[in-house]
Amino acid sequence: MSASPDTTFPARSLRDAAARAVAAADLDEKTARTRQAHARWTSRTISLRDPGDFRPPDRPGRPENPALVPPTKVKRRTLNSERGRITLLHAICHIELNAIDLALDIVARFASQRMPLSFFDGWMQVAFEEAKHFNMVRDRLRELGCDYGDLPAHDGLWQAAHDTRNSLMARLAVVPLILEARGLDVTPSMRAAMRAAGDEASAAVLDVIYEDEKKHVAIGAKWFRFLCARQRLDPSAEFQALVRANFRGGLKPPFNDLARAAAGLTPSFYRSLAAQSAS
């Protein structure tokens, strides 16, 4: 398993702890800080915020590698060879690393918002599970003779955090309900391909990720609907307006409608956006 430093990281509050975890460049430290922040928050041994908190950085801490390149420069991934599966797992590992920081950032950046404490419970659970996913995928890469950072990756995911840094509703619309929901669409076929190639160990990792991501999308949908209800807005219409204003990519089928609907993201949210992307 991935090594994690047995260290206590002092923090003034949950906001302070989450922001410092985002800023951590050492990835073992980042995941250890995330686990500790989650444990202290769930046990209510840390406050939500403090006037002297460290504030979330504009960009998350990262090691020297991987090299970050434009998305068009990242090689397409096929699963008909071990090298292809390694390339895919490395891309997933990079996604899970960004997911840790995205979950932590929503806690740190919006800790002053008037939200129930259960909002922060949910996102710290997401951060904890994304850290678990990152270490699981990284361990599998190491079993295959590779490590995170050995291959290039792209930086498009963090752009979503930057573009929605000033709006909690926009952040919820774009990150869990666009980016994480996409995982519900593509993960079943990836794990099926892994099993078809005889790579049961990698498929088992994707099983865990898929089940957890359903919960993450549901958390995003729950709180997006909560904010819409508070402001007496139509959730589907508001989602579409926020996505048009804040998301640079398009929405492309196929969609896992059943998994999305179970998470609270019904087709009325995204089908018309996909049709506009196609046109």
C-alpha atoms as a PDB file:
ATOM      1  CA  MET A   1       0.000   0.000   0.000  1.00  0.00           C
ATOM      2  CA  SER A   2       1.070   3.628  -0.453  1.00  0.00           C
ATOM      3  CA  ALA A   3       3.174   4.924   2.391  1.00  0.00           C
ATOM      4  CA  SER A   4       1.629   7.686   4.475  1.00  0.00           C
ATOM      5  CA  PRO A   5       3.575   9.750   6.978  1.00  0.00           C
ATOM      6  CA  ASP A   6       2.524   9.116  10.563  1.00  0.00           C
ATOM      7  CA  THR A   7       2.374  12.803  11.365  1.00  0.00           C
ATOM      8  CA  THR A   8      -0.071  15.095  13.092  1.00  0.00           C
ATOM      9  CA  PHE A   9      -0.661  18.244  11.092  1.00  0.00           C
ATOM     10  CA  PRO A  10      -1.775  21.161  13.268  1.00  0.00           C
ATOM     11  CA  ALA A  11      -4.705  23.166  11.938  1.00  0.00           C
ATOM     12  CA  ARG A  12      -6.751  26.050  13.278  1.00  0.00           C
ATOM     13  CA  SER A  13     -10.002  24.771  11.784  1.00  0.00           C
ATOM     14  CA  LEU A  14     -11.474  22.599   9.058  1.00  0.00           C
ATOM     15  CA  ARG A  15     -11.064  25.429   6.558  1.00  0.00           C
ATOM     16  CA  ASP A  16      -7.406  25.750   7.558  1.00  0.00           C
ATOM     17  CA  ALA A  17      -6.826  21.981   7.358  1.00  0.00           C
ATOM     18  CA  ALA A  18      -8.512  21.646   3.966  1.00  0.00           C
ATOM     19  CA  ALA A  19      -6.643  24.600   2.474  1.00  0.00           C
ATOM     20  CA  ARG A  20      -3.293  23.280   3.703  1.00  0.00           C
ATOM     21  CA  ALA A  21      -4.049  19.864   2.220  1.00  0.00           C
ATOM     22  CA  VAL A  22      -4.805  21.487  -1.142  1.00  0.00           C
ATOM     23  CA  ALA A  23      -1.491  23.351  -0.947  1.00  0.00           C
ATOM     24  CA  ALA A  24       0.574  20.260  -0.050  1.00  0.00           C
ATOM     25  CA  ALA A  25       2.873  19.278  -2.925  1.00  0.00           C
ATOM     26  CA  ASP A  26       3.932  15.933  -1.432  1.00  0.00           C
ATOM     27  CA  LEU A  27       1.145  13.516  -2.333  1.00  0.00           C
ATOM     28  CA  ASP A  28       1.560  11.244   0.686  1.00  0.00           C
ATOM     29  CA  GLU A  29       1.293  14.357   2.854  1.00  0.00           C
ATOM     30  CA  LYS A  30      -1.767  15.559   0.905  1.00  0.00           C
ATOM     31  CA  THR A  31      -3.657  12.312   1.430  1.00  0.00           C
ATOM     32  CA  ALA A  32      -2.566  12.082   5.088  1.00  0.00           C
ATOM     33  CA  ARG A  33      -3.741  15.651   5.715  1.00  0.00           C
ATOM     34  CA  THR A  34      -7.039  14.800   4.050  1.00  0.00           C
ATOM     35  CA  ARG A  35      -7.594  11.731   6.222  1.00  0.00           C
ATOM     36  CA  GLN A  36      -6.704  13.657   9.379  1.00  0.00           C
ATOM     37  CA  ALA A  37      -8.978  16.592   8.515  1.00  0.00           C
ATOM     38  CA  HIS A  38     -11.829  14.153   7.838  1.00  0.00           C
ATOM     39  CA  ALA A  39     -11.270  12.344  11.149  1.00  0.00           C
ATOM     40  CA  ARG A  40     -11.088  15.549  13.184  1.00  0.00           C
ATOM     41  CA  TRP A  41     -14.148  17.032  11.518  1.00  0.00           C
ATOM     42  CA  THR A  42     -16.323  13.913  11.825  1.00  0.00           C
ATOM     43  CA  SER A  43     -15.381  13.648  15.517  1.00  0.00           C
ATOM     44  CA  ARG A  44     -16.131  17.389  15.917  1.00  0.00           C
ATOM     45  CA  THR A  45     -12.734  18.063  17.477  1.00  0.00           C
ATOM     46  CA  ILE A  46     -12.094  20.976  15.125  1.00  0.00           C
ATOM     47  CA  SER A  47     -14.131  24.087  14.354  1.00  0.00           C
ATOM     48  CA  LEU A  48     -15.352  25.015  10.887  1.00  0.00           C
ATOM     49  CA  ARG A  49     -13.317  28.202  10.518  1.00  0.00           C
ATOM     50  CA  ASP A  50     -11.030  30.608  12.361  1.00  0.00           C
ATOM     51  CA  PRO A  51     -10.029  34.197  11.537  1.00  0.00           C
ATOM     52  CA  GLY A  52      -6.378  33.198  11.150  1.00  0.00           C
ATOM     53  CA  ASP A  53      -6.985  30.362   8.694  1.00  0.00           C
ATOM     54  CA  PHE A  54      -4.660  29.644   5.797  1.00  0.00           C
ATOM     55  CA  ARG A  55      -6.713  30.357   2.697  1.00  0.00           C
ATOM     56  CA  PRO A  56      -7.007  28.024  -0.307  1.00  0.00           C
ATOM     57  CA  PRO A  57      -4.337  28.586  -2.965  1.00  0.00           C
ATOM     58  CA  ASP A  58      -5.159  29.478  -6.552  1.00  0.00           C
ATOM     59  CA  ARG A  59      -3.525  26.221  -7.645  1.00  0.00           C
ATOM     60  CA  PRO A  60      -3.081  22.977  -5.708  1.00  0.00           C
ATOM     61  CA  GLY A  61       0.311  21.762  -4.611  1.00  0.00           C
ATOM     62  CA  ARG A  62       1.868  19.276  -6.998  1.00  0.00           C
ATOM     63  CA  PRO A  63       5.153  17.334  -7.274  1.00  0.00           C
ATOM     64  CA  GLU A  64       7.555  18.022 -10.122  1.00  0.00           C
ATOM     65  CA  ASN A  65       6.040  15.199 -12.179  1.00  0.00           C
ATOM     66  CA  PRO A  66       3.906  14.479 -14.131  1.00  0.00           C
ATOM     67  CA  ALA A  67       4.560  16.965 -16.872  1.00  0.00           C
ATOM     68  CA  LEU A  68       1.344  18.859 -17.594  1.00  0.00           C
ATOM     69  CA  VAL A  69       0.529  19.218 -21.278  1.00  0.00           C
ATOM     70  CA  PRO A  70      -2.507  20.380 -23.279  1.00  0.00           C
ATOM     71  CA  PRO A  71      -5.287  17.760 -23.419  1.00  0.00           C
ATOM     72  CA  THR A  72      -4.665  17.251 -27.146  1.00  0.00           C
ATOM     73  CA  LYS A  73      -1.105  16.098 -26.350  1.00  0.00           C
ATOM     74  CA  VAL A  74      -2.196  13.268 -24.026  1.00  0.00           C
ATOM     75  CA  LYS A  75      -2.147   9.960 -25.879  1.00  0.00           C
ATOM     76  CA  ARG A  76      -5.403   8.134 -26.513  1.00  0.00           C
ATOM     77  CA  ARG A  77      -5.843   5.127 -24.244  1.00  0.00           C
ATOM     78  CA  THR A  78      -6.590   1.624 -25.483  1.00  0.00           C
ATOM     79  CA  LEU A  79      -6.948  -1.435 -23.277  1.00  0.00           C
ATOM     80  CA  ASN A  80      -5.732  -4.184 -25.600  1.00  0.00           C
ATOM     81  CA  SER A  81      -2.247  -4.162 -24.046  1.00  0.00           C
ATOM     82  CA  GLU A  82      -0.759  -3.819 -20.586  1.00  0.00           C
ATOM     83  CA  ARG A  83       0.831  -0.537 -21.625  1.00  0.00           C
ATOM     84  CA  GLY A  84      -2.557   0.768 -22.671  1.00  0.00           C
ATOM     85  CA  ARG A  85      -4.071  -0.227 -19.330  1.00  0.00           C
ATOM     86  CA  ILE A  86      -1.200   1.473 -17.491  1.00  0.00           C
ATOM     87  CA  THR A  87      -1.797   4.644 -19.502  1.00  0.00           C
ATOM     88  CA  LEU A  88      -5.494   4.575 -18.612  1.00  0.00           C
ATOM     89  CA  LEU A  89      -4.806   3.935 -14.925  1.00  0.00           C
ATOM     90  CA  HIS A  90      -2.338   6.823 -14.861  1.00  0.00           C
ATOM     91  CA  ALA A  91      -5.004   9.110 -16.323  1.00  0.00           C
ATOM     92  CA  ILE A  92      -7.504   7.903 -13.696  1.00  0.00           C
ATOM     93  CA  CYS A  93      -4.930   8.466 -10.947  1.00  0.00           C
ATOM     94  CA  HIS A  94      -4.515  12.053 -12.163  1.00  0.00           C
ATOM     95  CA  ILE A  95      -8.288  12.543 -12.150  1.00  0.00           C
ATOM     96  CA  GLU A  96      -8.547  11.208  -8.591  1.00  0.00           C
ATOM     97  CA  LEU A  97      -5.763  13.529  -7.414  1.00  0.00           C
ATOM     98  CA  ASN A  98      -7.622  16.502  -8.826  1.00  0.00           C
ATOM     99  CA  ALA A  99     -10.817  15.190  -7.242  1.00  0.00           C
ATOM    100  CA  ILE A 100      -9.186  15.286  -3.792  1.00  0.00           C
ATOM    101  CA  ASP A 101      -8.305  18.934  -4.259  1.00  0.00           C
ATOM    102  CA  LEU A 102     -11.687  19.830  -5.742  1.00  0.00           C
ATOM    103  CA  ALA A 103     -13.503  18.363  -2.722  1.00  0.00           C
ATOM    104  CA  LEU A 104     -11.148  20.052  -0.263  1.00  0.00           C
ATOM    105  CA  ASP A 105     -11.377  23.349  -2.116  1.00  0.00           C
ATOM    106  CA  ILE A 106     -15.177  23.458  -1.935  1.00  0.00           C
ATOM    107  CA  VAL A 107     -14.856  23.115   1.849  1.00  0.00           C
ATOM    108  CA  ALA A 108     -12.065  25.673   2.262  1.00  0.00           C
ATOM    109  CA  ARG A 109     -13.289  28.221  -0.281  1.00  0.00           C
ATOM    110  CA  PHE A 110     -16.946  28.228   0.763  1.00  0.00           C
ATOM    111  CA  ALA A 111     -16.623  27.713   4.525  1.00  0.00           C
ATOM    112  CA  SER A 112     -18.052  31.196   5.124  1.00  0.00           C
ATOM    113  CA  GLN A 113     -21.229  30.409   3.194  1.00  0.00           C
ATOM    114  CA  ARG A 114     -24.455  30.038   5.172  1.00  0.00           C
ATOM    115  CA  MET A 115     -24.720  26.259   4.853  1.00  0.00           C
ATOM    116  CA  PRO A 116     -25.666  23.461   7.284  1.00  0.00           C
ATOM    117  CA  LEU A 117     -22.756  21.615   8.862  1.00  0.00           C
ATOM    118  CA  SER A 118     -23.928  18.488   7.023  1.00  0.00           C
ATOM    119  CA  PHE A 119     -22.819  20.182   3.792  1.00  0.00           C
ATOM    120  CA  PHE A 120     -19.230  20.052   5.053  1.00  0.00           C
ATOM    121  CA  ASP A 121     -19.755  16.503   6.368  1.00  0.00           C
ATOM    122  CA  GLY A 122     -20.614  15.422   2.839  1.00  0.00           C
ATOM    123  CA  TRP A 123     -17.680  17.077   1.117  1.00  0.00           C
ATOM    124  CA  MET A 124     -15.148  15.866   3.651  1.00  0.00           C
ATOM    125  CA  GLN A 125     -16.459  12.339   3.055  1.00  0.00           C
ATOM    126  CA  VAL A 126     -15.952  12.927  -0.667  1.00  0.00           C
ATOM    127  CA  ALA A 127     -12.387  14.178  -0.069  1.00  0.00           C
ATOM    128  CA  PHE A 128     -11.646  11.142   2.132  1.00  0.00           C
ATOM    129  CA  GLU A 129     -12.921   8.733  -0.524  1.00  0.00           C
ATOM    130  CA  GLU A 130     -11.087  10.504  -3.366  1.00  0.00           C
ATOM    131  CA  ALA A 131      -7.859  10.153  -1.378  1.00  0.00           C
ATOM    132  CA  LYS A 132      -8.641   6.457  -0.969  1.00  0.00           C
ATOM    133  CA  HIS A 133      -9.205   6.154  -4.731  1.00  0.00           C
ATOM    134  CA  PHE A 134      -5.956   7.932  -5.547  1.00  0.00           C
ATOM    135  CA  ASN A 135      -3.943   5.591  -3.346  1.00  0.00           C
ATOM    136  CA  MET A 136      -5.718   2.499  -4.698  1.00  0.00           C
ATOM    137  CA  VAL A 137      -4.991   3.428  -8.304  1.00  0.00           C
ATOM    138  CA  ARG A 138      -1.429   4.447  -7.475  1.00  0.00           C
ATOM    139  CA  ASP A 139      -0.843   1.119  -5.728  1.00  0.00           C
ATOM    140  CA  ARG A 140      -2.139  -0.717  -8.799  1.00  0.00           C
ATOM    141  CA  LEU A 141       0.164   1.305 -11.048  1.00  0.00           C
ATOM    142  CA  ARG A 142       3.098   0.344  -8.848  1.00  0.00           C
ATOM    143  CA  GLU A 143       2.134  -3.316  -9.103  1.00  0.00           C
ATOM    144  CA  LEU A 144       2.362  -2.890 -12.880  1.00  0.00           C
ATOM    145  CA  GLY A 145       5.819  -1.303 -12.683  1.00  0.00           C
ATOM    146  CA  CYS A 146       4.750   2.325 -13.058  1.00  0.00           C
ATOM    147  CA  ASP A 147       4.044   5.202 -10.687  1.00  0.00           C
ATOM    148  CA  TYR A 148       2.014   8.369 -10.785  1.00  0.00           C
ATOM    149  CA  GLY A 149       4.101  11.017 -12.516  1.00  0.00           C
ATOM    150  CA  ASP A 150       5.810   8.658 -14.967  1.00  0.00           C
ATOM    151  CA  LEU A 151       3.494   9.721 -17.811  1.00  0.00           C
ATOM    152  CA  PRO A 152       2.273  13.177 -18.872  1.00  0.00           C
ATOM    153  CA  ALA A 153      -1.142  14.458 -17.826  1.00  0.00           C
ATOM    154  CA  HIS A 154      -3.319  17.426 -18.679  1.00  0.00           C
ATOM    155  CA  ASP A 155      -4.385  20.329 -16.480  1.00  0.00           C
ATOM    156  CA  GLY A 156      -7.950  20.828 -17.683  1.00  0.00           C
ATOM    157  CA  LEU A 157      -9.664  19.588 -14.516  1.00  0.00           C
ATOM    158  CA  TRP A 158      -8.403  22.348 -12.244  1.00  0.00           C
ATOM    159  CA  GLN A 159      -9.689  24.911 -14.735  1.00  0.00           C
ATOM    160  CA  ALA A 160     -13.183  24.049 -13.492  1.00  0.00           C
ATOM    161  CA  ALA A 161     -12.221  25.072  -9.964  1.00  0.00           C
ATOM    162  CA  HIS A 162     -10.733  28.345 -11.167  1.00  0.00           C
ATOM    163  CA  ASP A 163     -13.751  29.195 -13.304  1.00  0.00           C
ATOM    164  CA  THR A 164     -16.200  28.607 -10.429  1.00  0.00           C
ATOM    165  CA  ARG A 165     -14.141  30.024  -7.560  1.00  0.00           C
ATOM    166  CA  ASN A 166     -16.629  32.818  -6.840  1.00  0.00           C
ATOM    167  CA  SER A 167     -19.907  30.861  -6.922  1.00  0.00           C
ATOM    168  CA  LEU A 168     -20.896  27.846  -4.850  1.00  0.00           C
ATOM    169  CA  MET A 169     -23.836  27.083  -7.132  1.00  0.00           C
ATOM    170  CA  ALA A 170     -21.612  27.189 -10.216  1.00  0.00           C
ATOM    171  CA  ARG A 171     -19.052  24.944  -8.483  1.00  0.00           C
ATOM    172  CA  LEU A 172     -21.740  22.384  -7.654  1.00  0.00           C
ATOM    173  CA  ALA A 173     -23.141  22.488 -11.179  1.00  0.00           C
ATOM    174  CA  VAL A 174     -19.803  22.004 -12.912  1.00  0.00           C
ATOM    175  CA  VAL A 175     -17.749  19.737 -10.637  1.00  0.00           C
ATOM    176  CA  PRO A 176     -20.053  17.022  -9.243  1.00  0.00           C
ATOM    177  CA  LEU A 177     -22.881  17.347 -11.766  1.00  0.00           C
ATOM    178  CA  ILE A 178     -20.740  17.572 -14.919  1.00  0.00           C
ATOM    179  CA  LEU A 179     -17.251  16.203 -14.204  1.00  0.00           C
ATOM    180  CA  GLU A 180     -18.077  13.523 -11.621  1.00  0.00           C
ATOM    181  CA  ALA A 181     -21.272  12.536 -13.403  1.00  0.00           C
ATOM    182  CA  ARG A 182     -19.172  11.805 -16.479  1.00  0.00           C
ATOM    183  CA  GLY A 183     -17.449   9.116 -14.444  1.00  0.00           C
ATOM    184  CA  LEU A 184     -20.791   7.356 -14.060  1.00  0.00           C
ATOM    185  CA  ASP A 185     -21.043   7.243 -17.852  1.00  0.00           C
ATOM    186  CA  VAL A 186     -17.579   5.920 -18.691  1.00  0.00           C
ATOM    187  CA  THR A 187     -16.484   3.769 -15.739  1.00  0.00           C
ATOM    188  CA  PRO A 188     -18.736   0.737 -16.426  1.00  0.00           C
ATOM    189  CA  SER A 189     -17.285   0.259 -19.914  1.00  0.00           C
ATOM    190  CA  MET A 190     -13.712   0.742 -18.662  1.00  0.00           C
ATOM    191  CA  ARG A 191     -14.046  -1.874 -15.943  1.00  0.00           C
ATOM    192  CA  ALA A 192     -15.721  -4.276 -18.385  1.00  0.00           C
ATOM    193  CA  ALA A 193     -12.782  -3.813 -20.757  1.00  0.00           C
ATOM    194  CA  MET A 194     -10.335  -4.445 -17.906  1.00  0.00           C
ATOM    195  CA  ARG A 195     -12.099  -7.702 -17.081  1.00  0.00           C
ATOM    196  CA  ALA A 196     -12.209  -8.705 -20.748  1.00  0.00           C
ATOM    197  CA  ALA A 197      -8.426  -8.210 -20.829  1.00  0.00           C
ATOM    198  CA  GLY A 198      -8.015 -10.423 -17.740  1.00  0.00           C
ATOM    199  CA  ASP A 199      -7.052  -7.525 -15.469  1.00  0.00           C
ATOM    200  CA  GLU A 200      -9.352  -8.302 -12.539  1.00  0.00           C
ATOM    201  CA  ALA A 201      -7.243  -6.314 -10.059  1.00  0.00           C
ATOM    202  CA  SER A 202      -7.679  -3.073 -11.996  1.00  0.00           C
ATOM    203  CA  ALA A 203     -11.378  -3.779 -12.560  1.00  0.00           C
ATOM    204  CA  ALA A 204     -11.862  -4.279  -8.814  1.00  0.00           C
ATOM    205  CA  VAL A 205     -10.376  -0.828  -8.178  1.00  0.00           C
ATOM    206  CA  LEU A 206     -12.820   0.658 -10.685  1.00  0.00           C
ATOM    207  CA  ASP A 207     -15.685  -1.154  -8.923  1.00  0.00           C
ATOM    208  CA  VAL A 208     -14.898   0.764  -5.727  1.00  0.00           C
ATOM    209  CA  ILE A 209     -14.542   4.073  -7.544  1.00  0.00           C
ATOM    210  CA  TYR A 210     -17.824   3.636  -9.414  1.00  0.00           C
ATOM    211  CA  GLU A 211     -19.866   2.898  -6.290  1.00  0.00           C
ATOM    212  CA  ASP A 212     -18.365   5.844  -4.411  1.00  0.00           C
ATOM    213  CA  GLU A 213     -18.818   8.238  -7.335  1.00  0.00           C
ATOM    214  CA  LYS A 214     -22.559   7.557  -7.313  1.00  0.00           C
ATOM    215  CA  LYS A 215     -22.624   8.949  -3.772  1.00  0.00           C
ATOM    216  CA  HIS A 216     -20.504  11.946  -4.761  1.00  0.00           C
ATOM    217  CA  VAL A 217     -22.847  12.954  -7.561  1.00  0.00           C
ATOM    218  CA  ALA A 218     -25.778  12.509  -5.170  1.00  0.00           C
ATOM    219  CA  ILE A 219     -24.132  14.856  -2.653  1.00  0.00           C
ATOM    220  CA  GLY A 220     -23.648  17.455  -5.365  1.00  0.00           C
ATOM    221  CA  ALA A 221     -27.244  17.120  -6.570  1.00  0.00           C
ATOM    222  CA  LYS A 222     -28.616  17.316  -3.029  1.00  0.00           C
ATOM    223  CA  TRP A 223     -26.895  20.580  -2.234  1.00  0.00           C
ATOM    224  CA  PHE A 224     -27.509  22.097  -5.657  1.00  0.00           C
ATOM    225  CA  ARG A 225     -31.228  21.450  -5.200  1.00  0.00           C
ATOM    226  CA  PHE A 226     -31.031  22.830  -1.652  1.00  0.00           C
ATOM    227  CA  LEU A 227     -29.604  26.136  -2.899  1.00  0.00           C
ATOM    228  CA  CYS A 228     -32.153  26.305  -5.704  1.00  0.00           C
ATOM    229  CA  ALA A 229     -34.984  25.751  -3.226  1.00  0.00           C
ATOM    230  CA  ARG A 230     -33.595  28.440  -0.949  1.00  0.00           C
ATOM    231  CA  GLN A 231     -33.623  30.915  -3.840  1.00  0.00           C
ATOM    232  CA  ARG A 232     -36.836  29.557  -5.392  1.00  0.00           C
ATOM    233  CA  LEU A 233     -35.102  28.636  -8.639  1.00  0.00           C
ATOM    234  CA  ASP A 234     -35.915  25.808 -11.031  1.00  0.00           C
ATOM    235  CA  PRO A 235     -32.994  23.352 -10.611  1.00  0.00           C
ATOM    236  CA  SER A 236     -32.845  22.150 -14.222  1.00  0.00           C
ATOM    237  CA  ALA A 237     -33.028  25.648 -15.714  1.00  0.00           C
ATOM    238  CA  GLU A 238     -30.480  27.044 -13.247  1.00  0.00           C
ATOM    239  CA  PHE A 239     -28.129  24.141 -13.883  1.00  0.00           C
ATOM    240  CA  GLN A 240     -28.243  24.717 -17.620  1.00  0.00           C
ATOM    241  CA  ALA A 241     -27.642  28.467 -17.248  1.00  0.00           C
ATOM    242  CA  LEU A 242     -24.667  27.922 -14.932  1.00  0.00           C
ATOM    243  CA  VAL A 243     -23.123  25.275 -17.177  1.00  0.00           C
ATOM    244  CA  ARG A 244     -23.395  27.518 -20.241  1.00  0.00           C
ATOM    245  CA  ALA A 245     -21.710  30.343 -18.331  1.00  0.00           C
ATOM    246  CA  ASN A 246     -19.003  28.372 -16.543  1.00  0.00           C
ATOM    247  CA  PHE A 247     -18.145  25.171 -18.411  1.00  0.00           C
ATOM    248  CA  ARG A 248     -15.934  25.225 -21.478  1.00  0.00           C
ATOM    249  CA  GLY A 249     -16.441  21.645 -22.617  1.00  0.00           C
ATOM    250  CA  GLY A 250     -19.421  20.016 -24.232  1.00  0.00           C
ATOM    251  CA  LEU A 251     -21.690  17.266 -22.965  1.00  0.00           C
ATOM    252  CA  LYS A 252     -21.533  14.150 -25.081  1.00  0.00           C
ATOM    253  CA  PRO A 253     -23.544  10.929 -24.878  1.00  0.00           C
ATOM    254  CA  PRO A 254     -23.766   8.106 -24.085  1.00  0.00           C
ATOM    255  CA  PHE A 255     -25.151   8.862 -20.624  1.00  0.00           C
ATOM    256  CA  ASN A 256     -25.721   6.397 -17.810  1.00  0.00           C
ATOM    257  CA  ASP A 257     -29.249   7.670 -17.247  1.00  0.00           C
ATOM    258  CA  LEU A 258     -30.094   5.119 -14.559  1.00  0.00           C
ATOM    259  CA  ALA A 259     -27.061   5.877 -12.375  1.00  0.00           C
ATOM    260  CA  ARG A 260     -27.452   9.619 -12.926  1.00  0.00           C
ATOM    261  CA  ALA A 261     -31.142   9.543 -11.998  1.00  0.00           C
ATOM    262  CA  ALA A 262     -30.432   7.465  -8.886  1.00  0.00           C
ATOM    263  CA  ALA A 263     -28.032  10.230  -7.834  1.00  0.00           C
ATOM    264  CA  GLY A 264     -30.671  12.912  -8.389  1.00  0.00           C
ATOM    265  CA  LEU A 265     -29.484  14.079 -11.802  1.00  0.00           C
ATOM    266  CA  THR A 266     -32.443  13.452 -14.104  1.00  0.00           C
ATOM    267  CA  PRO A 267     -32.290  13.821 -17.917  1.00  0.00           C
ATOM    268  CA  SER A 268     -34.083  17.188 -17.716  1.00  0.00           C
ATOM    269  CA  PHE A 269     -30.804  18.598 -16.405  1.00  0.00           C
ATOM    270  CA  TYR A 270     -28.434  17.586 -19.179  1.00  0.00           C
ATOM    271  CA  ARG A 271     -30.187  16.263 -22.297  1.00  0.00           C
ATOM    272  CA  SER A 272     -30.868  19.673 -23.834  1.00  0.00           C
ATOM    273  CA  LEU A 273     -27.267  20.738 -23.145  1.00  0.00           C
ATOM    274  CA  ALA A 274     -26.007  17.628 -24.920  1.00  0.00           C
ATOM    275  CA  ALA A 275     -28.230  18.379 -27.911  1.00  0.00           C
ATOM    276  CA  GLN A 276     -26.833  21.913 -28.081  1.00  0.00           C
ATOM    277  CA  SER A 277     -23.266  20.576 -27.887  1.00  0.00           C
ATOM    278  CA  ALA A 278     -23.988  18.230 -30.773  1.00  0.00           C
ATOM    279  CA  SER A 279     -25.423  21.003 -32.899  1.00  0.00           C
END
